Amino acid sequence: MRILILGGGVVGITTAYQLQKDGHTVTVLEQASQVAEGASWANAGMIAPGHSFVWSSPAAPKILLKSLFQKDQALRFKLSADPHLYSWSLRFLMQCTAAKARRNTLLKHRLAVHSQSVLQAVVREEAIQYDRTSAGILYFHRNRQALDKGIANMRLLEADGQEIRIVDAQEIVDREPALVSSRDIIAGGVLCPTDETGDAAKFTRALAAIVENRGGKILTGTRIV
């Protein structure tokens, strides 16, 4: 089958790669001058099943309401005349119960674990270099209340198979010396040893080269109207 893929970010290129492996002929359209120039260029670079908590939680409605008046909120809501925004917002709010947040977090965690395993298989097979580090990711907190809440949240993922370790402030600064000046305001944290980081743009461009070398087409500077 001949398949057209819109967008040359990490999702578009990995889709093209897998479809090509399955025997399809792929063409990727990307409006930028090269792949991975949008969201795949400057993101956190985290491969983190330990960070699988959904935004649609019981705390979200209050945070979104506060964001109308305070711009420093983790989630922000901007008033708009677009009716689709409000229908989407209603569906989002309907997912903000404790039971649905728990269910959706577990589903997201299982998807993240599967995604990580597929990524690792691709990296092994293709020998892609993308500044990967696999020393785990630290999630630290500045006060005991936040730490206790963070640990309680992580227990949900732990029960679903996620490996975690509770670490004190000293181990945190030992692992991340850049935090040594903040040692006195760190209450502790959680280490997810299997979480990883990497450069999404480098990964995407390396995989795009593989797709092209195997006969796939990537048309950059191509705007879809």
N, C-alpha and C. Protein backbone atom coordinates (compact mmCIF):
# COMPACT_ATOMS: atom_id res chain seq x y z
N MET A 1 0.83 -1.19 0.00
CA MET A 1 0.00 0.00 0.00
C MET A 1 0.88 1.26 0.00
N ARG A 2 0.46 2.28 -0.73
CA ARG A 2 1.15 3.57 -0.73
C ARG A 2 0.50 4.46 0.32
N ILE A 3 1.29 4.93 1.27
CA ILE A 3 0.74 5.67 2.41
C ILE A 3 1.40 7.03 2.51
N LEU A 4 0.59 8.07 2.68
CA LEU A 4 1.05 9.45 2.84
C LEU A 4 0.95 9.82 4.32
N ILE A 5 2.03 10.33 4.87
CA ILE A 5 2.09 10.70 6.29
C ILE A 5 2.29 12.20 6.39
N LEU A 6 1.43 12.86 7.15
CA LEU A 6 1.48 14.31 7.27
C LEU A 6 2.26 14.70 8.52
N GLY A 7 3.43 15.28 8.35
CA GLY A 7 4.23 15.73 9.47
C GLY A 7 5.48 14.90 9.66
N GLY A 8 6.63 15.59 9.76
CA GLY A 8 7.90 14.91 9.91
C GLY A 8 8.52 15.08 11.28
N GLY A 9 7.68 15.00 12.30
CA GLY A 9 8.19 14.97 13.67
C GLY A 9 8.46 13.54 14.09
N VAL A 10 8.71 13.36 15.37
CA VAL A 10 9.07 12.02 15.85
C VAL A 10 7.93 11.03 15.61
N VAL A 11 6.68 11.48 15.73
CA VAL A 11 5.55 10.57 15.52
C VAL A 11 5.43 10.21 14.04
N GLY A 12 5.52 11.22 13.16
CA GLY A 12 5.40 10.95 11.74
C GLY A 12 6.51 10.05 11.21
N ILE A 13 7.74 10.30 11.65
CA ILE A 13 8.87 9.52 11.15
C ILE A 13 8.86 8.10 11.70
N THR A 14 8.53 7.93 12.97
CA THR A 14 8.45 6.57 13.50
C THR A 14 7.31 5.79 12.85
N THR A 15 6.22 6.49 12.54
CA THR A 15 5.12 5.85 11.82
C THR A 15 5.58 5.39 10.44
N ALA A 16 6.30 6.28 9.75
CA ALA A 16 6.81 5.92 8.42
C ALA A 16 7.76 4.73 8.50
N TYR A 17 8.61 4.73 9.50
CA TYR A 17 9.58 3.64 9.67
C TYR A 17 8.87 2.30 9.86
N GLN A 18 7.88 2.28 10.74
CA GLN A 18 7.20 1.01 11.02
C GLN A 18 6.37 0.54 9.84
N LEU A 19 5.70 1.48 9.17
CA LEU A 19 4.91 1.10 7.99
C LEU A 19 5.82 0.56 6.89
N GLN A 20 6.98 1.18 6.74
CA GLN A 20 7.94 0.70 5.75
C GLN A 20 8.42 -0.71 6.09
N LYS A 21 8.68 -0.96 7.37
CA LYS A 21 9.08 -2.31 7.78
C LYS A 21 7.99 -3.33 7.50
N ASP A 22 6.75 -2.87 7.56
CA ASP A 22 5.62 -3.77 7.30
C ASP A 22 5.37 -3.97 5.81
N GLY A 23 6.19 -3.33 4.96
CA GLY A 23 6.09 -3.57 3.53
C GLY A 23 5.39 -2.50 2.73
N HIS A 24 5.04 -1.39 3.35
CA HIS A 24 4.33 -0.33 2.64
C HIS A 24 5.30 0.68 2.03
N THR A 25 4.82 1.41 1.04
CA THR A 25 5.58 2.50 0.42
C THR A 25 5.14 3.80 1.08
N VAL A 26 6.09 4.54 1.66
CA VAL A 26 5.71 5.70 2.47
C VAL A 26 6.27 6.99 1.89
N THR A 27 5.47 8.05 2.03
CA THR A 27 5.89 9.41 1.70
C THR A 27 5.50 10.30 2.87
N VAL A 28 6.45 11.08 3.37
CA VAL A 28 6.21 11.99 4.49
C VAL A 28 6.22 13.42 3.96
N LEU A 29 5.21 14.20 4.31
CA LEU A 29 5.16 15.62 3.96
C LEU A 29 5.46 16.45 5.20
N GLU A 30 6.41 17.36 5.08
CA GLU A 30 6.81 18.22 6.21
C GLU A 30 6.96 19.66 5.70
N GLN A 31 6.27 20.60 6.35
CA GLN A 31 6.31 21.98 5.85
C GLN A 31 7.62 22.70 6.17
N ALA A 32 8.34 22.28 7.20
CA ALA A 32 9.61 22.92 7.55
C ALA A 32 10.71 22.49 6.59
N SER A 33 11.88 23.12 6.74
CA SER A 33 12.99 22.84 5.82
C SER A 33 13.66 21.50 6.10
N GLN A 34 13.42 20.94 7.29
CA GLN A 34 13.92 19.61 7.62
C GLN A 34 13.00 18.99 8.67
N VAL A 35 13.15 17.70 8.88
CA VAL A 35 12.30 17.03 9.87
C VAL A 35 12.71 17.46 11.27
N ALA A 36 11.80 17.26 12.21
CA ALA A 36 12.05 17.51 13.64
C ALA A 36 12.37 18.97 13.93
N GLU A 37 11.65 19.88 13.28
CA GLU A 37 11.86 21.30 13.56
C GLU A 37 10.75 21.90 14.42
N GLY A 38 9.72 21.12 14.72
CA GLY A 38 8.62 21.62 15.53
C GLY A 38 8.73 21.13 16.96
N ALA A 39 7.68 20.45 17.43
CA ALA A 39 7.65 19.97 18.82
C ALA A 39 8.75 18.95 19.10
N SER A 40 9.25 18.30 18.08
CA SER A 40 10.31 17.30 18.29
C SER A 40 11.69 17.94 18.42
N TRP A 41 11.78 19.24 18.20
CA TRP A 41 13.08 19.92 18.27
C TRP A 41 13.43 20.31 19.70
N ALA A 42 12.52 20.94 20.41
CA ALA A 42 12.85 21.50 21.73
C ALA A 42 11.86 21.00 22.78
N ASN A 43 11.94 19.72 23.09
CA ASN A 43 11.09 19.19 24.15
C ASN A 43 11.96 18.64 25.28
N ALA A 44 11.33 18.09 26.28
CA ALA A 44 12.08 17.64 27.47
C ALA A 44 12.93 16.41 27.20
N GLY A 45 12.63 15.68 26.13
CA GLY A 45 13.44 14.51 25.79
C GLY A 45 13.31 13.36 26.78
N MET A 46 12.16 13.25 27.41
CA MET A 46 11.97 12.22 28.43
C MET A 46 11.27 11.00 27.86
N ILE A 47 11.79 9.83 28.15
CA ILE A 47 11.11 8.56 27.88
C ILE A 47 10.77 8.04 29.26
N ALA A 48 9.58 8.39 29.74
CA ALA A 48 9.34 8.32 31.18
C ALA A 48 7.98 7.70 31.54
N PRO A 49 7.88 6.37 31.55
CA PRO A 49 6.66 5.76 32.09
C PRO A 49 6.37 6.18 33.52
N GLY A 50 7.41 6.56 34.27
CA GLY A 50 7.21 7.04 35.63
C GLY A 50 6.56 8.40 35.72
N HIS A 51 6.31 9.01 34.57
CA HIS A 51 5.67 10.33 34.52
C HIS A 51 4.34 10.22 33.76
N SER A 52 3.62 9.14 34.01
CA SER A 52 2.44 8.82 33.21
C SER A 52 1.14 9.39 33.74
N PHE A 53 1.19 10.22 34.75
CA PHE A 53 -0.04 10.74 35.34
C PHE A 53 -0.75 11.67 34.35
N VAL A 54 -2.06 11.48 34.24
CA VAL A 54 -2.84 12.29 33.30
C VAL A 54 -3.12 13.67 33.88
N TRP A 55 -3.33 14.63 32.99
CA TRP A 55 -3.67 15.99 33.43
C TRP A 55 -5.11 16.08 33.92
N SER A 56 -5.95 15.20 33.42
CA SER A 56 -7.37 15.25 33.79
C SER A 56 -7.57 14.57 35.15
N SER A 57 -7.19 15.29 36.19
CA SER A 57 -7.27 14.78 37.56
C SER A 57 -8.26 15.62 38.36
N PRO A 58 -8.62 15.19 39.57
CA PRO A 58 -9.53 16.01 40.39
C PRO A 58 -8.99 17.41 40.68
N ALA A 59 -7.66 17.59 40.62
CA ALA A 59 -7.08 18.91 40.89
C ALA A 59 -7.15 19.84 39.68
N ALA A 60 -7.38 19.29 38.49
CA ALA A 60 -7.29 20.09 37.27
C ALA A 60 -8.31 21.22 37.18
N PRO A 61 -9.60 21.02 37.52
CA PRO A 61 -10.55 22.13 37.40
C PRO A 61 -10.14 23.37 38.19
N LYS A 62 -9.65 23.18 39.40
CA LYS A 62 -9.23 24.31 40.22
C LYS A 62 -8.02 25.01 39.60
N ILE A 63 -7.08 24.22 39.10
CA ILE A 63 -5.89 24.80 38.47
C ILE A 63 -6.28 25.60 37.23
N LEU A 64 -7.18 25.07 36.42
CA LEU A 64 -7.60 25.76 35.21
C LEU A 64 -8.34 27.04 35.53
N LEU A 65 -9.17 27.02 36.56
CA LEU A 65 -9.88 28.23 36.97
C LEU A 65 -8.89 29.30 37.44
N LYS A 66 -7.91 28.90 38.23
CA LYS A 66 -6.90 29.85 38.71
C LYS A 66 -6.08 30.41 37.55
N SER A 67 -5.93 29.63 36.49
CA SER A 67 -5.10 30.07 35.37
C SER A 67 -5.70 31.26 34.63
N LEU A 68 -7.01 31.50 34.82
CA LEU A 68 -7.63 32.67 34.20
C LEU A 68 -7.10 33.96 34.81
N PHE A 69 -6.59 33.86 36.03
CA PHE A 69 -6.13 35.05 36.76
C PHE A 69 -4.64 34.99 37.10
N GLN A 70 -4.06 33.78 37.11
CA GLN A 70 -2.65 33.62 37.45
C GLN A 70 -1.96 32.85 36.33
N LYS A 71 -0.96 33.44 35.73
CA LYS A 71 -0.33 32.86 34.55
C LYS A 71 0.75 31.83 34.87
N ASP A 72 1.00 31.58 36.16
CA ASP A 72 2.07 30.66 36.52
C ASP A 72 1.57 29.26 36.85
N GLN A 73 0.37 28.91 36.38
CA GLN A 73 -0.19 27.59 36.67
C GLN A 73 0.36 26.54 35.71
N ALA A 74 0.38 25.29 36.19
CA ALA A 74 0.89 24.19 35.36
C ALA A 74 0.01 23.95 34.14
N LEU A 75 -1.29 24.14 34.30
CA LEU A 75 -2.24 24.06 33.20
C LEU A 75 -2.85 25.44 33.02
N ARG A 76 -3.09 25.83 31.77
CA ARG A 76 -3.67 27.14 31.52
C ARG A 76 -4.85 27.02 30.57
N PHE A 77 -5.86 27.82 30.84
CA PHE A 77 -7.06 27.86 30.00
C PHE A 77 -7.23 29.28 29.49
N LYS A 78 -7.33 29.45 28.19
CA LYS A 78 -7.49 30.76 27.59
C LYS A 78 -8.86 30.86 26.95
N LEU A 79 -9.62 31.88 27.34
CA LEU A 79 -10.96 32.06 26.79
C LEU A 79 -10.88 32.26 25.28
N SER A 80 -11.85 31.68 24.58
CA SER A 80 -11.85 31.73 23.13
C SER A 80 -13.29 31.70 22.62
N ALA A 81 -13.47 32.21 21.41
CA ALA A 81 -14.80 32.18 20.79
C ALA A 81 -15.05 30.87 20.05
N ASP A 82 -14.09 30.00 20.04
CA ASP A 82 -14.21 28.73 19.32
C ASP A 82 -15.11 27.77 20.10
N PRO A 83 -16.28 27.41 19.57
CA PRO A 83 -17.18 26.51 20.30
C PRO A 83 -16.60 25.12 20.52
N HIS A 84 -15.70 24.70 19.65
CA HIS A 84 -15.10 23.38 19.81
C HIS A 84 -14.25 23.29 21.07
N LEU A 85 -13.65 24.42 21.47
CA LEU A 85 -12.86 24.43 22.69
C LEU A 85 -13.73 24.09 23.90
N TYR A 86 -14.94 24.62 23.92
CA TYR A 86 -15.80 24.42 25.09
C TYR A 86 -16.40 23.01 25.12
N SER A 87 -16.69 22.46 23.95
CA SER A 87 -17.18 21.07 23.94
C SER A 87 -16.06 20.12 24.36
N TRP A 88 -14.82 20.42 23.90
CA TRP A 88 -13.67 19.61 24.32
C TRP A 88 -13.44 19.76 25.82
N SER A 89 -13.56 21.00 26.31
CA SER A 89 -13.32 21.26 27.74
C SER A 89 -14.31 20.49 28.61
N LEU A 90 -15.55 20.42 28.16
CA LEU A 90 -16.56 19.67 28.92
C LEU A 90 -16.19 18.20 28.98
N ARG A 91 -15.75 17.64 27.87
CA ARG A 91 -15.34 16.23 27.87
C ARG A 91 -14.11 16.03 28.76
N PHE A 92 -13.20 17.00 28.76
CA PHE A 92 -12.02 16.93 29.63
C PHE A 92 -12.45 16.91 31.09
N LEU A 93 -13.34 17.81 31.48
CA LEU A 93 -13.79 17.89 32.86
C LEU A 93 -14.49 16.62 33.30
N MET A 94 -15.17 15.96 32.38
CA MET A 94 -15.86 14.72 32.72
C MET A 94 -14.88 13.60 33.05
N GLN A 95 -13.61 13.76 32.66
CA GLN A 95 -12.59 12.76 32.97
C GLN A 95 -11.83 13.07 34.26
N CYS A 96 -12.23 14.13 34.96
CA CYS A 96 -11.46 14.61 36.12
C CYS A 96 -11.88 14.00 37.46
N THR A 97 -12.65 12.93 37.44
CA THR A 97 -12.97 12.26 38.69
C THR A 97 -11.78 11.39 39.12
N ALA A 98 -11.73 11.06 40.39
CA ALA A 98 -10.62 10.26 40.91
C ALA A 98 -10.56 8.89 40.23
N ALA A 99 -11.72 8.27 40.03
CA ALA A 99 -11.75 6.94 39.43
C ALA A 99 -11.27 6.97 37.98
N LYS A 100 -11.72 7.97 37.22
CA LYS A 100 -11.31 8.05 35.82
C LYS A 100 -9.84 8.44 35.69
N ALA A 101 -9.37 9.31 36.58
CA ALA A 101 -7.95 9.69 36.55
C ALA A 101 -7.07 8.47 36.82
N ARG A 102 -7.48 7.64 37.77
CA ARG A 102 -6.72 6.43 38.07
C ARG A 102 -6.70 5.49 36.88
N ARG A 103 -7.87 5.26 36.30
CA ARG A 103 -7.97 4.35 35.15
C ARG A 103 -7.14 4.87 33.98
N ASN A 104 -7.27 6.16 33.67
CA ASN A 104 -6.56 6.72 32.53
C ASN A 104 -5.04 6.74 32.75
N THR A 105 -4.63 6.97 34.00
CA THR A 105 -3.20 6.95 34.31
C THR A 105 -2.62 5.56 34.09
N LEU A 106 -3.34 4.54 34.53
CA LEU A 106 -2.85 3.17 34.34
C LEU A 106 -2.80 2.80 32.86
N LEU A 107 -3.80 3.23 32.09
CA LEU A 107 -3.78 2.96 30.65
C LEU A 107 -2.60 3.68 29.99
N LYS A 108 -2.38 4.92 30.40
CA LYS A 108 -1.27 5.69 29.85
C LYS A 108 0.07 5.06 30.23
N HIS A 109 0.17 4.57 31.46
CA HIS A 109 1.41 3.94 31.90
C HIS A 109 1.71 2.69 31.08
N ARG A 110 0.71 1.87 30.84
CA ARG A 110 0.93 0.65 30.07
C ARG A 110 1.33 0.97 28.63
N LEU A 111 0.71 2.01 28.07
CA LEU A 111 1.10 2.44 26.73
C LEU A 111 2.54 2.96 26.72
N ALA A 112 2.92 3.71 27.76
CA ALA A 112 4.28 4.25 27.84
C ALA A 112 5.32 3.13 27.96
N VAL A 113 5.02 2.13 28.76
CA VAL A 113 5.94 0.99 28.92
C VAL A 113 6.11 0.27 27.58
N HIS A 114 4.99 0.05 26.89
CA HIS A 114 5.07 -0.60 25.57
C HIS A 114 5.87 0.26 24.60
N SER A 115 5.60 1.56 24.59
CA SER A 115 6.31 2.47 23.69
C SER A 115 7.81 2.45 23.96
N GLN A 116 8.18 2.44 25.24
CA GLN A 116 9.60 2.40 25.59
C GLN A 116 10.26 1.12 25.09
N SER A 117 9.57 0.00 25.22
CA SER A 117 10.14 -1.28 24.77
C SER A 117 10.32 -1.30 23.26
N VAL A 118 9.36 -0.71 22.53
CA VAL A 118 9.48 -0.63 21.07
C VAL A 118 10.65 0.28 20.69
N LEU A 119 10.77 1.43 21.37
CA LEU A 119 11.88 2.34 21.12
C LEU A 119 13.22 1.64 21.31
N GLN A 120 13.34 0.92 22.41
CA GLN A 120 14.60 0.23 22.70
C GLN A 120 14.93 -0.81 21.63
N ALA A 121 13.90 -1.47 21.12
CA ALA A 121 14.11 -2.46 20.06
C ALA A 121 14.61 -1.79 18.78
N VAL A 122 14.02 -0.64 18.44
CA VAL A 122 14.45 0.10 17.24
C VAL A 122 15.89 0.56 17.39
N VAL A 123 16.22 1.09 18.57
CA VAL A 123 17.58 1.58 18.81
C VAL A 123 18.60 0.45 18.69
N ARG A 124 18.26 -0.72 19.23
CA ARG A 124 19.17 -1.87 19.12
C ARG A 124 19.35 -2.30 17.67
N GLU A 125 18.24 -2.35 16.96
CA GLU A 125 18.28 -2.86 15.58
C GLU A 125 19.01 -1.90 14.64
N GLU A 126 18.79 -0.60 14.84
CA GLU A 126 19.32 0.38 13.90
C GLU A 126 20.57 1.10 14.40
N ALA A 127 20.97 0.83 15.64
CA ALA A 127 22.18 1.46 16.23
C ALA A 127 22.12 2.99 16.14
N ILE A 128 20.97 3.55 16.52
CA ILE A 128 20.78 5.00 16.45
C ILE A 128 21.43 5.66 17.66
N GLN A 129 22.15 6.74 17.41
CA GLN A 129 22.77 7.53 18.47
C GLN A 129 21.96 8.82 18.66
N TYR A 130 21.48 9.06 19.87
CA TYR A 130 20.67 10.27 20.09
C TYR A 130 20.86 10.81 21.51
N ASP A 131 22.08 10.75 22.00
CA ASP A 131 22.42 11.25 23.34
C ASP A 131 21.57 10.59 24.42
N ARG A 132 21.35 9.31 24.27
CA ARG A 132 20.51 8.59 25.22
C ARG A 132 21.22 8.42 26.56
N THR A 133 20.50 8.66 27.63
CA THR A 133 20.97 8.31 28.98
C THR A 133 19.90 7.44 29.62
N SER A 134 20.34 6.41 30.32
CA SER A 134 19.40 5.46 30.92
C SER A 134 19.69 5.28 32.40
N ALA A 135 19.99 6.40 33.07
CA ALA A 135 20.30 6.35 34.50
C ALA A 135 19.07 6.60 35.37
N GLY A 136 17.90 6.66 34.75
CA GLY A 136 16.69 6.95 35.51
C GLY A 136 16.41 8.44 35.57
N ILE A 137 15.24 8.78 36.08
CA ILE A 137 14.84 10.18 36.25
C ILE A 137 14.42 10.39 37.69
N LEU A 138 14.88 11.50 38.27
CA LEU A 138 14.53 11.88 39.64
C LEU A 138 13.34 12.83 39.64
N TYR A 139 12.41 12.58 40.53
CA TYR A 139 11.29 13.49 40.76
C TYR A 139 11.38 13.93 42.22
N PHE A 140 11.82 15.18 42.46
CA PHE A 140 12.05 15.59 43.84
C PHE A 140 11.07 16.68 44.26
N HIS A 141 10.93 16.82 45.58
CA HIS A 141 9.96 17.75 46.16
C HIS A 141 10.61 18.61 47.23
N ARG A 142 10.04 19.80 47.41
CA ARG A 142 10.65 20.78 48.31
C ARG A 142 10.08 20.79 49.72
N ASN A 143 9.00 20.08 49.95
CA ASN A 143 8.46 20.01 51.31
C ASN A 143 7.87 18.62 51.54
N ARG A 144 7.70 18.29 52.81
CA ARG A 144 7.29 16.94 53.18
C ARG A 144 5.89 16.62 52.67
N GLN A 145 4.99 17.59 52.69
CA GLN A 145 3.63 17.35 52.22
C GLN A 145 3.62 16.96 50.74
N ALA A 146 4.37 17.72 49.94
CA ALA A 146 4.44 17.41 48.52
C ALA A 146 5.13 16.07 48.28
N LEU A 147 6.15 15.77 49.08
CA LEU A 147 6.85 14.49 48.95
C LEU A 147 5.93 13.33 49.25
N ASP A 148 5.19 13.43 50.35
CA ASP A 148 4.27 12.35 50.72
C ASP A 148 3.22 12.13 49.64
N LYS A 149 2.72 13.23 49.07
CA LYS A 149 1.73 13.12 48.00
C LYS A 149 2.36 12.50 46.76
N GLY A 150 3.59 12.92 46.44
CA GLY A 150 4.27 12.37 45.28
C GLY A 150 4.53 10.88 45.42
N ILE A 151 4.93 10.45 46.62
CA ILE A 151 5.17 9.03 46.86
C ILE A 151 3.87 8.24 46.74
N ALA A 152 2.79 8.79 47.33
CA ALA A 152 1.50 8.11 47.25
C ALA A 152 1.05 7.95 45.80
N ASN A 153 1.27 8.99 44.98
CA ASN A 153 0.91 8.89 43.57
C ASN A 153 1.74 7.82 42.87
N MET A 154 3.03 7.79 43.16
CA MET A 154 3.91 6.82 42.52
C MET A 154 3.58 5.38 42.91
N ARG A 155 2.98 5.20 44.08
CA ARG A 155 2.60 3.84 44.48
C ARG A 155 1.60 3.23 43.50
N LEU A 156 0.78 4.07 42.88
CA LEU A 156 -0.18 3.58 41.89
C LEU A 156 0.57 2.95 40.71
N LEU A 157 1.60 3.64 40.23
CA LEU A 157 2.39 3.09 39.13
C LEU A 157 3.21 1.89 39.57
N GLU A 158 3.71 1.93 40.81
CA GLU A 158 4.48 0.80 41.34
C GLU A 158 3.63 -0.47 41.35
N ALA A 159 2.37 -0.33 41.74
CA ALA A 159 1.48 -1.49 41.76
C ALA A 159 1.21 -2.02 40.36
N ASP A 160 1.46 -1.16 39.35
CA ASP A 160 1.26 -1.56 37.96
C ASP A 160 2.57 -2.05 37.33
N GLY A 161 3.62 -2.20 38.15
CA GLY A 161 4.87 -2.75 37.65
C GLY A 161 6.02 -1.77 37.49
N GLN A 162 5.76 -0.48 37.76
CA GLN A 162 6.83 0.52 37.62
C GLN A 162 7.82 0.40 38.78
N GLU A 163 9.09 0.32 38.46
CA GLU A 163 10.13 0.28 39.49
C GLU A 163 10.36 1.69 40.03
N ILE A 164 10.32 1.86 41.35
CA ILE A 164 10.60 3.15 41.96
C ILE A 164 11.50 2.97 43.18
N ARG A 165 12.21 4.03 43.54
CA ARG A 165 13.00 4.06 44.77
C ARG A 165 12.80 5.40 45.45
N ILE A 166 12.51 5.37 46.75
CA ILE A 166 12.41 6.60 47.52
C ILE A 166 13.83 7.02 47.90
N VAL A 167 14.18 8.28 47.63
CA VAL A 167 15.54 8.75 47.89
C VAL A 167 15.50 10.01 48.75
N ASP A 168 16.53 10.18 49.58
CA ASP A 168 16.60 11.36 50.43
C ASP A 168 17.35 12.48 49.70
N ALA A 169 17.42 13.64 50.35
CA ALA A 169 18.02 14.81 49.72
C ALA A 169 19.48 14.60 49.38
N GLN A 170 20.21 13.89 50.24
CA GLN A 170 21.63 13.68 49.99
C GLN A 170 21.86 12.84 48.74
N GLU A 171 21.08 11.78 48.58
CA GLU A 171 21.24 10.97 47.38
C GLU A 171 20.88 11.76 46.13
N ILE A 172 19.89 12.64 46.26
CA ILE A 172 19.50 13.46 45.11
C ILE A 172 20.66 14.33 44.65
N VAL A 173 21.31 15.02 45.59
CA VAL A 173 22.42 15.90 45.18
C VAL A 173 23.65 15.08 44.77
N ASP A 174 23.79 13.87 45.32
CA ASP A 174 24.87 13.00 44.87
C ASP A 174 24.67 12.60 43.41
N ARG A 175 23.42 12.35 43.05
CA ARG A 175 23.11 11.95 41.68
C ARG A 175 23.11 13.15 40.74
N GLU A 176 22.72 14.31 41.26
CA GLU A 176 22.64 15.51 40.44
C GLU A 176 23.33 16.66 41.15
N PRO A 177 24.65 16.77 41.00
CA PRO A 177 25.42 17.78 41.73
C PRO A 177 24.97 19.22 41.46
N ALA A 178 24.29 19.47 40.35
CA ALA A 178 23.82 20.82 40.06
C ALA A 178 22.81 21.30 41.10
N LEU A 179 22.26 20.38 41.88
CA LEU A 179 21.27 20.74 42.90
C LEU A 179 21.89 20.95 44.28
N VAL A 180 23.21 20.90 44.38
CA VAL A 180 23.84 20.97 45.70
C VAL A 180 23.51 22.27 46.42
N SER A 181 23.38 23.37 45.71
CA SER A 181 23.06 24.64 46.36
C SER A 181 21.63 24.67 46.89
N SER A 182 20.79 23.74 46.43
CA SER A 182 19.39 23.65 46.88
C SER A 182 19.18 22.53 47.88
N ARG A 183 20.27 21.95 48.35
CA ARG A 183 20.20 20.79 49.25
C ARG A 183 19.27 21.01 50.43
N ASP A 184 19.30 22.19 51.03
CA ASP A 184 18.53 22.44 52.26
C ASP A 184 17.03 22.60 52.01
N ILE A 185 16.63 22.79 50.76
CA ILE A 185 15.20 22.97 50.49
C ILE A 185 14.61 21.78 49.75
N ILE A 186 15.35 20.68 49.70
CA ILE A 186 14.84 19.45 49.08
C ILE A 186 14.44 18.48 50.18
N ALA A 187 13.17 18.08 50.17
CA ALA A 187 12.67 17.16 51.19
C ALA A 187 12.98 15.71 50.86
N GLY A 188 13.10 15.41 49.61
CA GLY A 188 13.32 14.04 49.16
C GLY A 188 12.69 13.85 47.80
N GLY A 189 12.66 12.61 47.33
CA GLY A 189 12.09 12.39 46.02
C GLY A 189 11.92 10.93 45.69
N VAL A 190 11.57 10.70 44.44
CA VAL A 190 11.38 9.35 43.92
C VAL A 190 12.25 9.19 42.68
N LEU A 191 12.99 8.11 42.62
CA LEU A 191 13.79 7.77 41.45
C LEU A 191 13.09 6.66 40.68
N CYS A 192 12.90 6.88 39.40
CA CYS A 192 12.40 5.82 38.51
C CYS A 192 13.59 5.33 37.68
N PRO A 193 14.23 4.24 38.09
CA PRO A 193 15.49 3.81 37.47
C PRO A 193 15.38 3.45 36.00
N THR A 194 14.19 3.08 35.54
CA THR A 194 14.06 2.63 34.15
C THR A 194 13.68 3.77 33.20
N ASP A 195 13.42 4.96 33.73
CA ASP A 195 13.13 6.10 32.86
C ASP A 195 14.41 6.54 32.15
N GLU A 196 14.25 7.17 30.99
CA GLU A 196 15.39 7.56 30.17
C GLU A 196 15.22 8.99 29.66
N THR A 197 16.30 9.52 29.09
CA THR A 197 16.23 10.78 28.36
C THR A 197 17.00 10.63 27.05
N GLY A 198 16.71 11.53 26.12
CA GLY A 198 17.41 11.50 24.85
C GLY A 198 17.03 12.71 24.02
N ASP A 199 17.74 12.91 22.93
CA ASP A 199 17.49 14.03 22.03
C ASP A 199 16.51 13.58 20.95
N ALA A 200 15.28 14.06 21.05
CA ALA A 200 14.24 13.63 20.12
C ALA A 200 14.55 14.03 18.69
N ALA A 201 15.15 15.21 18.50
CA ALA A 201 15.46 15.67 17.14
C ALA A 201 16.52 14.79 16.50
N LYS A 202 17.57 14.46 17.25
CA LYS A 202 18.62 13.59 16.71
C LYS A 202 18.06 12.21 16.35
N PHE A 203 17.21 11.68 17.23
CA PHE A 203 16.61 10.38 16.96
C PHE A 203 15.76 10.44 15.69
N THR A 204 14.93 11.48 15.59
CA THR A 204 14.02 11.60 14.45
C THR A 204 14.79 11.72 13.14
N ARG A 205 15.84 12.54 13.14
CA ARG A 205 16.60 12.74 11.90
C ARG A 205 17.39 11.50 11.51
N ALA A 206 17.90 10.78 12.49
CA ALA A 206 18.61 9.54 12.18
C ALA A 206 17.65 8.50 11.60
N LEU A 207 16.46 8.41 12.17
CA LEU A 207 15.48 7.44 11.68
C LEU A 207 14.96 7.87 10.31
N ALA A 208 14.82 9.18 10.09
CA ALA A 208 14.38 9.67 8.78
C ALA A 208 15.38 9.28 7.69
N ALA A 209 16.67 9.36 8.01
CA ALA A 209 17.69 8.97 7.04
C ALA A 209 17.57 7.49 6.69
N ILE A 210 17.25 6.68 7.68
CA ILE A 210 17.07 5.24 7.44
C ILE A 210 15.87 5.01 6.52
N VAL A 211 14.78 5.72 6.78
CA VAL A 211 13.59 5.59 5.94
C VAL A 211 13.91 5.96 4.49
N GLU A 212 14.63 7.06 4.30
CA GLU A 212 14.98 7.50 2.94
C GLU A 212 15.93 6.51 2.26
N ASN A 213 16.89 6.01 3.01
CA ASN A 213 17.85 5.06 2.43
C ASN A 213 17.18 3.77 1.97
N ARG A 214 16.01 3.48 2.55
CA ARG A 214 15.29 2.26 2.18
C ARG A 214 14.18 2.54 1.18
N GLY A 215 14.22 3.73 0.57
CA GLY A 215 13.28 4.00 -0.51
C GLY A 215 12.11 4.88 -0.16
N GLY A 216 11.96 5.26 1.09
CA GLY A 216 10.88 6.16 1.46
C GLY A 216 11.17 7.59 1.02
N LYS A 217 10.12 8.38 0.83
CA LYS A 217 10.28 9.77 0.42
C LYS A 217 9.90 10.69 1.58
N ILE A 218 10.73 11.71 1.81
CA ILE A 218 10.42 12.73 2.80
C ILE A 218 10.51 14.07 2.09
N LEU A 219 9.37 14.71 1.89
CA LEU A 219 9.29 15.95 1.14
C LEU A 219 9.20 17.11 2.12
N THR A 220 10.32 17.78 2.36
CA THR A 220 10.34 18.94 3.25
C THR A 220 9.98 20.20 2.46
N GLY A 221 9.68 21.27 3.20
CA GLY A 221 9.26 22.51 2.55
C GLY A 221 7.96 22.35 1.79
N THR A 222 7.14 21.41 2.23
CA THR A 222 5.88 21.09 1.54
C THR A 222 4.71 21.42 2.45
N ARG A 223 3.98 22.45 2.10
CA ARG A 223 2.85 22.88 2.93
C ARG A 223 1.56 22.22 2.45
N ILE A 224 0.76 21.78 3.40
CA ILE A 224 -0.51 21.14 3.09
C ILE A 224 -1.61 22.19 3.20
N VAL A 225 -2.39 22.37 2.14
CA VAL A 225 -3.45 23.39 2.14
C VAL A 225 -4.79 22.72 1.93
